[in-house]
Amino acid sequence: MLKYRLVVGAVMSIVFAGLMLLDDHLQRTVTAINLPKATVLTVFTVILVIWAQFEFGKLARSAGHDVFLTITTPVCILLAIGQYLSQIVEFDISLYYEGVLTAAILALFLVQAKLHSTKATMANCGASMLAIGYMGVLALWIPAIGIGFGPWAVLMFVFTVKSADIGAYAAGRLFGKHKFSPNISPKKTWEGLCGAVVLAGVVGYLFGAGSGIIKPVFGMIFGAIFAYIGQLGDLAESMLKRDAQMKDSSAAVPGFGGILDVIDSPLVAAPLAWTFFEIVTRWG
């Protein structure tokens, strides 16, 4: 199982790296139409968001809630593309997000009233807002990293966080004895967390040394911090799956589960990663 997971993870990493390099190439070479930054990354994020919405809806139904995908999916798309659109048309991005979220809240109540009247209003609207927050508000920071700091920052962010997942899984399987969070994710151990921090720290250091986007020591600090944050993101999704009494969000990705099982760590870490890059590039 470990070898299978590593192979699938390596393939996904190569594909993602290729997409980011393509993104960089297009942005530098396609000058006829002044292609905005992070075009490929934004499209890729939108695809993942749509896919993850359906998996989240399945989890919610298993827990007895109705997520209004006809509202949550387009809202999450609008949130994910906001930074990208701001490169094409000048507008107040804060007002844009406020307008999208306000319209989403009103629309959810209208759909709830039409489909269920007053039955389970808090559960259904609450689950739908969680879907918007989890896969919309958090996801919008992924294109923001690419637009603000370039494809190498995105690669460093994603590879560091996902290497932490691999480090945690490998160290936990090989050495894990002391439970990290037995009530939420019984298989997670402190040994696994140490493996996550070590591997992510090494990957962060190598990215810092090889890409030049930040100093290697900051890359190592980035890896250590976001290894922990990524594990918290994994625990957050584990809470959702346990509530729904499901092992994985789906079986779409062999060895990993569903798309939500793959992106849970980067989603939670993305806003803080953007903040880290902003601080380091400005004052580091």
Protein backbone atom coordinates (compact mmCIF):
# COMPACT_ATOMS: atom_id res chain seq x y z
CA MET A 1 0.00 0.00 0.00
CA LEU A 2 2.82 2.42 0.87
CA LYS A 3 4.62 1.75 -2.44
CA TYR A 4 1.36 2.11 -4.38
CA ARG A 5 0.61 5.41 -2.66
CA LEU A 6 4.11 6.70 -3.36
CA VAL A 7 3.86 5.79 -7.06
CA VAL A 8 0.48 7.48 -7.52
CA GLY A 9 1.69 10.48 -5.54
CA ALA A 10 4.78 10.76 -7.74
CA VAL A 11 2.68 10.66 -10.91
CA MET A 12 0.36 13.38 -9.60
CA SER A 13 3.37 15.49 -8.59
CA ILE A 14 4.91 15.21 -12.06
CA VAL A 15 1.63 16.16 -13.74
CA PHE A 16 1.13 19.14 -11.44
CA ALA A 17 4.72 20.31 -11.93
CA GLY A 18 4.23 20.07 -15.69
CA LEU A 19 1.09 22.18 -15.50
CA MET A 20 2.83 24.87 -13.46
CA LEU A 21 5.79 24.98 -15.84
CA LEU A 22 3.31 25.22 -18.74
CA ASP A 23 1.60 28.07 -16.90
CA ASP A 24 4.89 29.92 -16.58
CA HIS A 25 5.81 29.25 -20.21
CA LEU A 26 2.47 30.53 -21.53
CA GLN A 27 2.60 33.66 -19.40
CA ARG A 28 6.09 34.50 -20.68
CA THR A 29 5.60 33.61 -24.35
CA VAL A 30 1.97 34.37 -25.22
CA THR A 31 2.27 38.11 -25.67
CA ALA A 32 -0.29 38.70 -28.41
CA ILE A 33 -3.24 38.67 -25.99
CA ASN A 34 -1.41 39.70 -22.80
CA LEU A 35 -2.29 36.45 -21.03
CA PRO A 36 -2.88 37.02 -17.30
CA LYS A 37 -0.80 35.27 -14.67
CA ALA A 38 -1.75 31.81 -13.34
CA THR A 39 -4.14 30.95 -16.17
CA VAL A 40 -3.51 27.20 -16.02
CA LEU A 41 -3.45 27.23 -12.21
CA THR A 42 -6.80 29.03 -12.05
CA VAL A 43 -8.43 26.59 -14.49
CA PHE A 44 -6.93 23.66 -12.58
CA THR A 45 -8.22 25.06 -9.28
CA VAL A 46 -11.72 25.49 -10.71
CA ILE A 47 -11.76 21.87 -11.91
CA LEU A 48 -10.71 20.63 -8.48
CA VAL A 49 -13.27 22.85 -6.77
CA ILE A 50 -16.11 21.51 -8.91
CA TRP A 51 -15.03 17.92 -8.34
CA ALA A 52 -14.60 18.48 -4.60
CA GLN A 53 -18.05 20.07 -4.35
CA PHE A 54 -19.71 16.85 -5.49
CA GLU A 55 -17.64 14.79 -3.05
CA PHE A 56 -18.53 17.16 -0.24
CA GLY A 57 -22.20 16.91 -1.21
CA LYS A 58 -21.96 13.13 -0.96
CA LEU A 59 -20.39 13.38 2.51
CA ALA A 60 -23.12 15.78 3.61
CA ARG A 61 -25.90 13.51 2.35
CA SER A 62 -24.39 10.61 4.28
CA ALA A 63 -24.51 12.81 7.40
CA GLY A 64 -28.16 13.70 6.73
CA HIS A 65 -27.65 17.19 5.26
CA ASP A 66 -28.50 18.63 1.86
CA VAL A 67 -25.80 20.77 0.24
CA PHE A 68 -27.30 22.96 -2.47
CA LEU A 69 -24.73 22.31 -5.19
CA THR A 70 -26.58 24.48 -7.71
CA ILE A 71 -25.60 27.43 -5.51
CA THR A 72 -22.37 26.34 -3.85
CA THR A 73 -20.61 25.23 -7.04
CA PRO A 74 -20.96 28.46 -9.07
CA VAL A 75 -20.24 30.53 -5.95
CA CYS A 76 -17.00 28.61 -5.34
CA ILE A 77 -16.03 29.07 -8.98
CA LEU A 78 -16.61 32.83 -8.72
CA LEU A 79 -14.50 32.97 -5.58
CA ALA A 80 -11.70 30.91 -7.15
CA ILE A 81 -11.46 33.12 -10.25
CA GLY A 82 -11.76 36.48 -8.49
CA GLN A 83 -8.03 37.23 -8.37
CA TYR A 84 -7.63 36.12 -11.97
CA LEU A 85 -10.46 38.36 -13.20
CA SER A 86 -8.94 41.33 -11.36
CA GLN A 87 -5.99 41.11 -13.76
CA ILE A 88 -8.32 41.54 -16.73
CA VAL A 89 -10.82 44.10 -15.44
CA GLU A 90 -10.01 46.60 -12.72
CA PHE A 91 -12.48 46.39 -9.83
CA ASP A 92 -12.61 46.38 -6.04
CA ILE A 93 -11.75 42.75 -5.21
CA SER A 94 -12.99 43.05 -1.62
CA LEU A 95 -16.36 44.33 -2.80
CA TYR A 96 -16.46 41.51 -5.36
CA TYR A 97 -16.02 38.85 -2.69
CA GLU A 98 -18.50 40.53 -0.38
CA GLY A 99 -21.08 40.65 -3.17
CA VAL A 100 -20.58 36.99 -4.11
CA LEU A 101 -20.90 35.80 -0.50
CA THR A 102 -23.93 38.01 0.20
CA ALA A 103 -25.71 36.74 -2.90
CA ALA A 104 -24.81 33.18 -1.90
CA ILE A 105 -26.41 33.51 1.55
CA LEU A 106 -29.63 34.92 0.12
CA ALA A 107 -29.75 32.27 -2.62
CA LEU A 108 -29.28 29.44 -0.11
CA PHE A 109 -32.31 30.57 1.88
CA LEU A 110 -34.39 30.78 -1.29
CA VAL A 111 -33.42 27.26 -2.38
CA GLN A 112 -33.98 25.91 1.14
CA ALA A 113 -37.48 27.45 1.21
CA LYS A 114 -38.33 26.01 -2.19
CA LEU A 115 -37.02 22.49 -1.56
CA HIS A 116 -37.53 21.91 2.16
CA SER A 117 -39.52 24.82 3.56
CA THR A 118 -38.37 25.17 7.20
CA LYS A 119 -37.18 21.59 7.65
CA ALA A 120 -33.48 21.32 8.61
CA THR A 121 -32.83 24.93 7.59
CA MET A 122 -29.80 25.38 9.84
CA ALA A 123 -28.31 22.01 8.87
CA ASN A 124 -28.76 22.44 5.12
CA CYS A 125 -27.82 26.12 4.87
CA GLY A 126 -24.99 25.62 7.36
CA ALA A 127 -23.57 22.67 5.40
CA SER A 128 -23.86 24.66 2.18
CA MET A 129 -22.04 27.63 3.67
CA LEU A 130 -19.34 25.27 4.94
CA ALA A 131 -18.96 23.97 1.38
CA ILE A 132 -18.53 27.55 0.16
CA GLY A 133 -16.04 28.40 2.89
CA TYR A 134 -14.07 25.18 2.63
CA MET A 135 -13.78 24.92 -1.14
CA GLY A 136 -14.37 28.53 -2.14
CA VAL A 137 -12.88 30.94 0.38
CA LEU A 138 -9.90 28.69 1.10
CA ALA A 139 -9.40 27.69 -2.54
CA LEU A 140 -9.21 31.29 -3.80
CA TRP A 141 -5.81 31.64 -2.10
CA ILE A 142 -4.23 29.03 -4.37
CA PRO A 143 -4.46 31.14 -7.57
CA ALA A 144 -3.56 34.14 -5.40
CA ILE A 145 -0.20 32.52 -4.59
CA GLY A 146 0.51 31.95 -8.27
CA ILE A 147 -0.54 35.48 -9.27
CA GLY A 148 1.32 37.16 -6.44
CA PHE A 149 4.51 35.10 -6.24
CA GLY A 150 4.77 32.96 -9.38
CA PRO A 151 4.64 29.26 -10.27
CA TRP A 152 7.68 28.29 -8.22
CA ALA A 153 5.98 29.54 -5.07
CA VAL A 154 2.95 27.39 -5.94
CA LEU A 155 5.16 24.37 -6.54
CA MET A 156 7.01 24.95 -3.27
CA PHE A 157 3.74 25.33 -1.37
CA VAL A 158 2.04 22.25 -2.81
CA PHE A 159 5.09 19.98 -2.83
CA THR A 160 6.04 20.92 0.72
CA VAL A 161 2.56 20.33 2.11
CA LYS A 162 2.05 17.08 0.21
CA SER A 163 5.53 15.82 1.09
CA ALA A 164 4.46 16.29 4.70
CA ASP A 165 1.53 13.95 4.02
CA ILE A 166 3.91 11.37 2.57
CA GLY A 167 6.36 11.80 5.45
CA ALA A 168 3.59 11.41 7.99
CA TYR A 169 2.20 8.33 6.28
CA ALA A 170 5.58 6.63 5.89
CA ALA A 171 6.89 7.43 9.39
CA GLY A 172 3.56 6.51 10.93
CA ARG A 173 3.47 3.14 9.17
CA LEU A 174 7.07 2.35 10.02
CA PHE A 175 7.50 3.80 13.52
CA GLY A 176 4.10 5.01 14.73
CA LYS A 177 3.18 4.05 18.31
CA HIS A 178 1.85 7.15 20.07
CA LYS A 179 -1.53 8.39 18.86
CA PHE A 180 -1.72 11.99 17.77
CA SER A 181 -5.51 12.43 17.62
CA PRO A 182 -7.21 9.12 18.45
CA ASN A 183 -10.76 10.51 18.50
CA ILE A 184 -10.56 12.07 15.04
CA SER A 185 -7.95 10.05 13.14
CA PRO A 186 -6.80 6.97 15.08
CA LYS A 187 -4.01 6.14 12.64
CA LYS A 188 -2.19 9.45 13.06
CA THR A 189 0.78 9.35 15.41
CA TRP A 190 3.33 11.74 16.86
CA GLU A 191 6.01 9.78 15.04
CA GLY A 192 4.14 10.42 11.81
CA LEU A 193 3.96 14.13 12.59
CA CYS A 194 7.73 14.18 13.16
CA GLY A 195 8.22 12.47 9.81
CA ALA A 196 6.01 15.11 8.20
CA VAL A 197 8.00 17.98 9.70
CA VAL A 198 11.37 16.49 8.75
CA LEU A 199 10.52 15.66 5.14
CA ALA A 200 8.66 18.92 4.54
CA GLY A 201 11.56 20.86 6.07
CA VAL A 202 14.01 19.17 3.69
CA VAL A 203 11.76 19.80 0.67
CA GLY A 204 11.25 23.43 1.69
CA TYR A 205 15.00 23.92 2.09
CA LEU A 206 15.69 22.40 -1.35
CA PHE A 207 13.07 24.61 -2.99
CA GLY A 208 14.55 27.67 -1.34
CA ALA A 209 18.05 26.71 -2.45
CA GLY A 210 17.08 25.66 -5.97
CA SER A 211 14.46 28.21 -7.00
CA GLY A 212 15.73 31.33 -5.27
CA ILE A 213 12.23 32.56 -4.40
CA ILE A 214 13.13 32.65 -0.69
CA LYS A 215 16.25 31.94 1.36
CA PRO A 216 16.85 28.24 2.07
CA VAL A 217 16.51 28.72 5.83
CA PHE A 218 13.09 30.31 5.30
CA GLY A 219 12.21 27.39 3.05
CA MET A 220 13.07 24.98 5.85
CA ILE A 221 10.98 26.99 8.32
CA PHE A 222 8.15 27.06 5.79
CA GLY A 223 8.27 23.27 5.50
CA ALA A 224 8.26 22.69 9.24
CA ILE A 225 5.37 25.08 9.86
CA PHE A 226 3.20 23.93 7.00
CA ALA A 227 3.80 20.27 7.71
CA TYR A 228 1.90 20.84 10.94
CA ILE A 229 -0.75 23.06 9.35
CA GLY A 230 -1.25 20.51 6.59
CA GLN A 231 -1.85 17.78 9.14
CA LEU A 232 -4.49 19.97 10.77
CA GLY A 233 -6.14 20.27 7.36
CA ASP A 234 -6.13 16.50 7.07
CA LEU A 235 -7.73 16.23 10.52
CA ALA A 236 -10.41 18.72 9.48
CA GLU A 237 -11.45 16.50 6.57
CA SER A 238 -11.27 13.44 8.81
CA MET A 239 -13.87 15.10 11.03
CA LEU A 240 -16.18 15.46 8.03
CA LYS A 241 -15.67 11.85 6.97
CA ARG A 242 -16.26 10.52 10.50
CA ASP A 243 -19.47 12.53 10.76
CA ALA A 244 -20.56 11.02 7.45
CA GLN A 245 -19.27 7.57 8.53
CA MET A 246 -17.21 7.25 5.35
CA LYS A 247 -13.58 6.14 5.05
CA ASP A 248 -12.80 8.33 2.01
CA SER A 249 -14.63 11.11 0.18
CA SER A 250 -14.64 8.85 -2.92
CA ALA A 251 -12.47 6.31 -4.74
CA ALA A 252 -11.42 8.66 -7.54
CA VAL A 253 -7.69 8.67 -6.75
CA PRO A 254 -6.15 5.19 -6.26
CA GLY A 255 -4.28 4.92 -2.98
CA PHE A 256 -5.58 8.25 -1.69
CA GLY A 257 -9.38 8.17 -1.85
CA GLY A 258 -11.10 11.17 -3.36
CA ILE A 259 -10.08 14.62 -4.55
CA LEU A 260 -10.96 16.03 -1.13
CA ASP A 261 -8.55 13.53 0.43
CA VAL A 262 -5.80 14.90 -1.83
CA ILE A 263 -6.45 18.64 -1.48
CA ASP A 264 -7.54 18.81 2.17
CA SER A 265 -4.08 19.84 3.42
CA PRO A 266 -3.34 22.50 0.74
CA LEU A 267 -6.81 24.02 1.14
CA VAL A 268 -6.34 24.78 4.83
CA ALA A 269 -2.72 25.84 4.39
CA ALA A 270 -3.20 28.12 1.34
CA PRO A 271 -4.22 31.39 3.08
CA LEU A 272 -1.38 31.08 5.59
CA ALA A 273 1.09 30.16 2.84
CA TRP A 274 0.15 33.33 0.95
CA THR A 275 0.72 35.30 4.15
CA PHE A 276 4.10 33.63 4.68
CA PHE A 277 5.28 34.45 1.16
CA GLU A 278 4.02 38.02 1.51
CA ILE A 279 5.96 38.56 4.73
CA VAL A 280 9.15 36.85 3.59
CA THR A 281 9.31 38.50 0.17
CA ARG A 282 8.60 41.91 1.64
CA TRP A 283 10.88 41.80 4.68
CA GLY A 284 12.99 38.66 4.23
